[in-house]
């Protein structure tokens, strides 16, 4: 794991990598009910001093990210572009930015976004999937990791294939 992390460009507090890391990966569709449940679940994760990481691009990821910023919760940004201007402090709290790209890369492409999502899966101890479109590229990527690490689903009813591969549903009260 240490070698994998060193292969990426990093700016910020690398000590966040020593904590238990939850990767958050959601599809572009949005379900406000699931988003609120995810935020409640994340509040409990924060009490355990775990750290969340994501690209923070989908609507659900953005709302979770806004919650983390408003609460001043340290977290990790995974980027599909360079990090020339990464701001690594948030109200005195540390952040970490990680990218597979050189600082000169300014545009996110589908290939770079997929590589960022692969990096998320590689660096996470566990994956938290608020919602994901069955049959899409992100679904296929998550499916590969169901047997390698714990994958937790909020929208389990929409993803029976991931459950069959070993993903675990998160119940209404946030328990496993």
C-alpha atoms as a PDB file:
ATOM      1  CA  UNK A   1       0.000   0.000   0.000  1.00  0.00           C
ATOM      2  CA  UNK A   2       2.809   2.439   0.856  1.00  0.00           C
ATOM      3  CA  UNK A   3       4.326   2.164  -2.633  1.00  0.00           C
ATOM      4  CA  UNK A   4       0.956   2.737  -4.300  1.00  0.00           C
ATOM      5  CA  UNK A   5       0.438   5.944  -2.327  1.00  0.00           C
ATOM      6  CA  UNK A   6       3.894   7.246  -3.198  1.00  0.00           C
ATOM      7  CA  UNK A   7       3.131   6.886  -6.925  1.00  0.00           C
ATOM      8  CA  UNK A   8       0.653   9.792  -6.722  1.00  0.00           C
ATOM      9  CA  UNK A   9       1.184  13.556  -6.516  1.00  0.00           C
ATOM     10  CA  UNK A  10       0.277  14.726  -3.012  1.00  0.00           C
ATOM     11  CA  UNK A  11      -0.179  18.102  -1.321  1.00  0.00           C
ATOM     12  CA  UNK A  12      -1.268  18.602   2.245  1.00  0.00           C
ATOM     13  CA  UNK A  13      -1.296  16.506   5.412  1.00  0.00           C
ATOM     14  CA  UNK A  14      -0.064  13.028   4.523  1.00  0.00           C
ATOM     15  CA  UNK A  15      -0.836  11.900   8.084  1.00  0.00           C
ATOM     16  CA  UNK A  16      -4.484  11.579   7.023  1.00  0.00           C
ATOM     17  CA  UNK A  17      -3.395   8.462   5.122  1.00  0.00           C
ATOM     18  CA  UNK A  18      -2.555   6.748   8.429  1.00  0.00           C
ATOM     19  CA  UNK A  19      -6.237   6.804   9.450  1.00  0.00           C
ATOM     20  CA  UNK A  20      -8.881   4.346   8.356  1.00  0.00           C
ATOM     21  CA  UNK A  21     -10.024   5.611   4.932  1.00  0.00           C
ATOM     22  CA  UNK A  22     -13.570   5.423   3.596  1.00  0.00           C
ATOM     23  CA  UNK A  23     -13.835   6.028  -0.137  1.00  0.00           C
ATOM     24  CA  UNK A  24     -17.094   7.698  -1.182  1.00  0.00           C
ATOM     25  CA  UNK A  25     -18.207   7.010  -4.749  1.00  0.00           C
ATOM     26  CA  UNK A  26     -21.631   7.919  -6.145  1.00  0.00           C
ATOM     27  CA  UNK A  27     -23.200   8.106  -9.571  1.00  0.00           C
ATOM     28  CA  UNK A  28     -24.358  11.372 -11.102  1.00  0.00           C
ATOM     29  CA  UNK A  29     -28.021  10.797 -10.260  1.00  0.00           C
ATOM     30  CA  UNK A  30     -29.156  12.297  -7.007  1.00  0.00           C
ATOM     31  CA  UNK A  31     -31.521  11.037  -4.330  1.00  0.00           C
ATOM     32  CA  UNK A  32     -31.936  13.629  -1.555  1.00  0.00           C
ATOM     33  CA  UNK A  33     -33.141  11.011   0.945  1.00  0.00           C
ATOM     34  CA  UNK A  34     -30.001   8.921   0.440  1.00  0.00           C
ATOM     35  CA  UNK A  35     -27.779  12.014   0.604  1.00  0.00           C
ATOM     36  CA  UNK A  36     -29.165  12.945   4.039  1.00  0.00           C
ATOM     37  CA  UNK A  37     -28.683   9.388   5.288  1.00  0.00           C
ATOM     38  CA  UNK A  38     -25.094   9.418   4.034  1.00  0.00           C
ATOM     39  CA  UNK A  39     -24.408  12.665   5.915  1.00  0.00           C
ATOM     40  CA  UNK A  40     -25.817  11.146   9.121  1.00  0.00           C
ATOM     41  CA  UNK A  41     -23.654   8.061   8.626  1.00  0.00           C
ATOM     42  CA  UNK A  42     -20.585  10.222   7.999  1.00  0.00           C
ATOM     43  CA  UNK A  43     -21.190  12.071  11.267  1.00  0.00           C
ATOM     44  CA  UNK A  44     -20.761   8.730  13.031  1.00  0.00           C
ATOM     45  CA  UNK A  45     -17.637   7.880  11.013  1.00  0.00           C
ATOM     46  CA  UNK A  46     -16.102  11.212  12.007  1.00  0.00           C
ATOM     47  CA  UNK A  47     -16.609  10.374  15.692  1.00  0.00           C
ATOM     48  CA  UNK A  48     -14.421   7.307  15.091  1.00  0.00           C
ATOM     49  CA  UNK A  49     -11.720   9.585  13.634  1.00  0.00           C
ATOM     50  CA  UNK A  50     -11.865   7.895  10.267  1.00  0.00           C
ATOM     51  CA  UNK A  51     -11.224   9.981   7.167  1.00  0.00           C
ATOM     52  CA  UNK A  52     -13.322  10.234   4.018  1.00  0.00           C
ATOM     53  CA  UNK A  53     -11.921  10.505   0.534  1.00  0.00           C
ATOM     54  CA  UNK A  54     -13.547  11.169  -2.817  1.00  0.00           C
ATOM     55  CA  UNK A  55     -13.348  13.195  -5.990  1.00  0.00           C
ATOM     56  CA  UNK A  56     -16.367  15.157  -4.675  1.00  0.00           C
ATOM     57  CA  UNK A  57     -17.876  15.566  -8.173  1.00  0.00           C
ATOM     58  CA  UNK A  58     -21.314  13.908  -8.265  1.00  0.00           C
ATOM     59  CA  UNK A  59     -24.253  15.832  -6.733  1.00  0.00           C
ATOM     60  CA  UNK A  60     -24.297  13.522  -3.693  1.00  0.00           C
ATOM     61  CA  UNK A  61     -20.513  13.742  -3.263  1.00  0.00           C
ATOM     62  CA  UNK A  62     -20.710  17.549  -3.503  1.00  0.00           C
ATOM     63  CA  UNK A  63     -23.345  17.740  -0.765  1.00  0.00           C
ATOM     64  CA  UNK A  64     -21.286  15.452   1.461  1.00  0.00           C
ATOM     65  CA  UNK A  65     -18.232  17.590   0.720  1.00  0.00           C
ATOM     66  CA  UNK A  66     -20.142  20.765   1.676  1.00  0.00           C
ATOM     67  CA  UNK A  67     -21.046  19.082   4.973  1.00  0.00           C
ATOM     68  CA  UNK A  68     -17.382  18.213   5.616  1.00  0.00           C
ATOM     69  CA  UNK A  69     -16.325  21.799   4.857  1.00  0.00           C
ATOM     70  CA  UNK A  70     -19.077  23.340   7.020  1.00  0.00           C
ATOM     71  CA  UNK A  71     -18.172  21.057   9.919  1.00  0.00           C
ATOM     72  CA  UNK A  72     -14.413  21.573   9.434  1.00  0.00           C
ATOM     73  CA  UNK A  73     -13.852  17.827   9.090  1.00  0.00           C
ATOM     74  CA  UNK A  74     -10.454  16.821   7.625  1.00  0.00           C
ATOM     75  CA  UNK A  75     -10.759  14.811   4.409  1.00  0.00           C
ATOM     76  CA  UNK A  76      -8.902  13.754   1.288  1.00  0.00           C
ATOM     77  CA  UNK A  77      -9.555  15.094  -2.217  1.00  0.00           C
ATOM     78  CA  UNK A  78      -8.722  12.793  -5.112  1.00  0.00           C
ATOM     79  CA  UNK A  79      -8.326  14.769  -8.296  1.00  0.00           C
ATOM     80  CA  UNK A  80      -8.459  13.848 -11.990  1.00  0.00           C
ATOM     81  CA  UNK A  81      -6.336  16.892 -12.853  1.00  0.00           C
ATOM     82  CA  UNK A  82      -3.224  18.619 -11.519  1.00  0.00           C
ATOM     83  CA  UNK A  83      -2.882  20.222  -8.074  1.00  0.00           C
ATOM     84  CA  UNK A  84      -1.192  23.568  -8.748  1.00  0.00           C
ATOM     85  CA  UNK A  85      -3.385  25.599  -6.374  1.00  0.00           C
ATOM     86  CA  UNK A  86      -4.544  23.047  -3.822  1.00  0.00           C
ATOM     87  CA  UNK A  87      -5.457  24.810  -0.571  1.00  0.00           C
ATOM     88  CA  UNK A  88      -4.464  22.408   2.188  1.00  0.00           C
ATOM     89  CA  UNK A  89      -6.022  24.074   5.247  1.00  0.00           C
ATOM     90  CA  UNK A  90      -9.695  24.369   6.133  1.00  0.00           C
ATOM     91  CA  UNK A  91     -10.346  26.505   9.186  1.00  0.00           C
ATOM     92  CA  UNK A  92      -7.201  25.145  10.818  1.00  0.00           C
ATOM     93  CA  UNK A  93      -8.026  21.566   9.818  1.00  0.00           C
ATOM     94  CA  UNK A  94      -5.759  19.674   7.496  1.00  0.00           C
ATOM     95  CA  UNK A  95      -6.652  18.377   4.068  1.00  0.00           C
ATOM     96  CA  UNK A  96      -4.819  16.163   1.639  1.00  0.00           C
ATOM     97  CA  UNK A  97      -5.031  16.388  -2.143  1.00  0.00           C
ATOM     98  CA  UNK A  98      -3.899  13.441  -4.247  1.00  0.00           C
ATOM     99  CA  UNK A  99      -3.746  13.230  -8.033  1.00  0.00           C
ATOM    100  CA  UNK A 100      -2.484  10.866 -10.688  1.00  0.00           C
ATOM    101  CA  UNK A 101      -1.747  13.882 -12.917  1.00  0.00           C
ATOM    102  CA  UNK A 102       1.053  16.431 -13.159  1.00  0.00           C
ATOM    103  CA  UNK A 103       0.287  19.974 -11.992  1.00  0.00           C
ATOM    104  CA  UNK A 104       0.118  21.136 -15.616  1.00  0.00           C
ATOM    105  CA  UNK A 105      -2.984  18.994 -16.341  1.00  0.00           C
ATOM    106  CA  UNK A 106      -6.007  21.300 -16.163  1.00  0.00           C
ATOM    107  CA  UNK A 107      -8.846  19.301 -17.740  1.00  0.00           C
ATOM    108  CA  UNK A 108     -10.701  16.289 -16.454  1.00  0.00           C
ATOM    109  CA  UNK A 109     -11.379  13.677 -19.102  1.00  0.00           C
ATOM    110  CA  UNK A 110     -13.401  10.471 -18.785  1.00  0.00           C
ATOM    111  CA  UNK A 111     -10.194   8.454 -18.766  1.00  0.00           C
ATOM    112  CA  UNK A 112      -8.708  10.621 -15.991  1.00  0.00           C
ATOM    113  CA  UNK A 113     -11.939  10.438 -13.989  1.00  0.00           C
ATOM    114  CA  UNK A 114     -11.928   6.644 -14.284  1.00  0.00           C
ATOM    115  CA  UNK A 115      -8.283   6.561 -13.154  1.00  0.00           C
ATOM    116  CA  UNK A 116      -9.194   8.786 -10.180  1.00  0.00           C
ATOM    117  CA  UNK A 117     -11.989   6.364  -9.262  1.00  0.00           C
ATOM    118  CA  UNK A 118      -9.554   3.449  -9.540  1.00  0.00           C
ATOM    119  CA  UNK A 119      -7.182   5.352  -7.236  1.00  0.00           C
ATOM    120  CA  UNK A 120     -10.065   5.854  -4.794  1.00  0.00           C
ATOM    121  CA  UNK A 121     -10.762   2.125  -4.728  1.00  0.00           C
ATOM    122  CA  UNK A 122      -7.066   1.297  -4.334  1.00  0.00           C
ATOM    123  CA  UNK A 123      -6.414   3.727  -1.479  1.00  0.00           C
ATOM    124  CA  UNK A 124      -9.642   3.142   0.481  1.00  0.00           C
ATOM    125  CA  UNK A 125      -9.876   0.687   3.328  1.00  0.00           C
ATOM    126  CA  UNK A 126     -13.644   0.508   2.761  1.00  0.00           C
ATOM    127  CA  UNK A 127     -15.967   1.868   0.086  1.00  0.00           C
ATOM    128  CA  UNK A 128     -19.166   3.755   0.832  1.00  0.00           C
ATOM    129  CA  UNK A 129     -21.505   3.777  -2.164  1.00  0.00           C
ATOM    130  CA  UNK A 130     -24.516   6.077  -1.679  1.00  0.00           C
ATOM    131  CA  UNK A 131     -25.973   5.216  -5.088  1.00  0.00           C
ATOM    132  CA  UNK A 132     -24.637   3.839  -8.311  1.00  0.00           C
ATOM    133  CA  UNK A 133     -26.132   3.150 -11.727  1.00  0.00           C
ATOM    134  CA  UNK A 134     -26.202  -0.589 -12.462  1.00  0.00           C
ATOM    135  CA  UNK A 135     -24.309  -1.452 -15.619  1.00  0.00           C
ATOM    136  CA  UNK A 136     -22.193   1.708 -15.755  1.00  0.00           C
ATOM    137  CA  UNK A 137     -18.396   2.044 -15.652  1.00  0.00           C
ATOM    138  CA  UNK A 138     -18.409   3.008 -11.989  1.00  0.00           C
ATOM    139  CA  UNK A 139     -20.591  -0.002 -11.196  1.00  0.00           C
ATOM    140  CA  UNK A 140     -18.158  -2.292 -13.023  1.00  0.00           C
ATOM    141  CA  UNK A 141     -15.237  -0.795 -11.087  1.00  0.00           C
ATOM    142  CA  UNK A 142     -16.951  -1.177  -7.704  1.00  0.00           C
ATOM    143  CA  UNK A 143     -17.944  -4.736  -8.591  1.00  0.00           C
ATOM    144  CA  UNK A 144     -14.234  -5.623  -8.924  1.00  0.00           C
ATOM    145  CA  UNK A 145     -13.593  -4.472  -5.355  1.00  0.00           C
ATOM    146  CA  UNK A 146     -16.527  -6.266  -3.686  1.00  0.00           C
ATOM    147  CA  UNK A 147     -14.324  -9.301  -3.047  1.00  0.00           C
ATOM    148  CA  UNK A 148     -11.203  -7.287  -2.125  1.00  0.00           C
ATOM    149  CA  UNK A 149     -12.563  -4.950   0.567  1.00  0.00           C
ATOM    150  CA  UNK A 150     -15.725  -4.044   2.387  1.00  0.00           C
ATOM    151  CA  UNK A 151     -18.204  -2.240   0.138  1.00  0.00           C
ATOM    152  CA  UNK A 152     -21.264  -0.676   1.787  1.00  0.00           C
ATOM    153  CA  UNK A 153     -24.389   0.359  -0.155  1.00  0.00           C
ATOM    154  CA  UNK A 154     -27.145   2.784   0.783  1.00  0.00           C
ATOM    155  CA  UNK A 155     -29.232   2.058  -2.316  1.00  0.00           C
ATOM    156  CA  UNK A 156     -28.927  -1.705  -1.984  1.00  0.00           C
ATOM    157  CA  UNK A 157     -32.301  -2.390  -3.613  1.00  0.00           C
ATOM    158  CA  UNK A 158     -31.072  -0.861  -6.857  1.00  0.00           C
ATOM    159  CA  UNK A 159     -27.924  -2.965  -6.891  1.00  0.00           C
ATOM    160  CA  UNK A 160     -28.683  -6.642  -6.314  1.00  0.00           C
ATOM    161  CA  UNK A 161     -25.680  -7.555  -8.483  1.00  0.00           C
ATOM    162  CA  UNK A 162     -23.286  -5.845  -6.067  1.00  0.00           C
ATOM    163  CA  UNK A 163     -24.943  -7.582  -3.118  1.00  0.00           C
ATOM    164  CA  UNK A 164     -24.417 -10.912  -4.864  1.00  0.00           C
ATOM    165  CA  UNK A 165     -20.719 -10.041  -5.265  1.00  0.00           C
ATOM    166  CA  UNK A 166     -20.371  -9.358  -1.520  1.00  0.00           C
ATOM    167  CA  UNK A 167     -21.366  -5.730  -0.941  1.00  0.00           C
ATOM    168  CA  UNK A 168     -23.224  -5.056   2.301  1.00  0.00           C
ATOM    169  CA  UNK A 169     -26.369  -2.950   2.664  1.00  0.00           C
ATOM    170  CA  UNK A 170     -26.447  -0.108   5.172  1.00  0.00           C
ATOM    171  CA  UNK A 171     -29.680  -0.292   7.079  1.00  0.00           C
ATOM    172  CA  UNK A 172     -31.939   2.669   7.787  1.00  0.00           C
ATOM    173  CA  UNK A 173     -30.340   3.331  11.158  1.00  0.00           C
ATOM    174  CA  UNK A 174     -26.836   3.407   9.666  1.00  0.00           C
ATOM    175  CA  UNK A 175     -25.731   0.076  11.054  1.00  0.00           C
ATOM    176  CA  UNK A 176     -24.039  -2.562   8.959  1.00  0.00           C
END
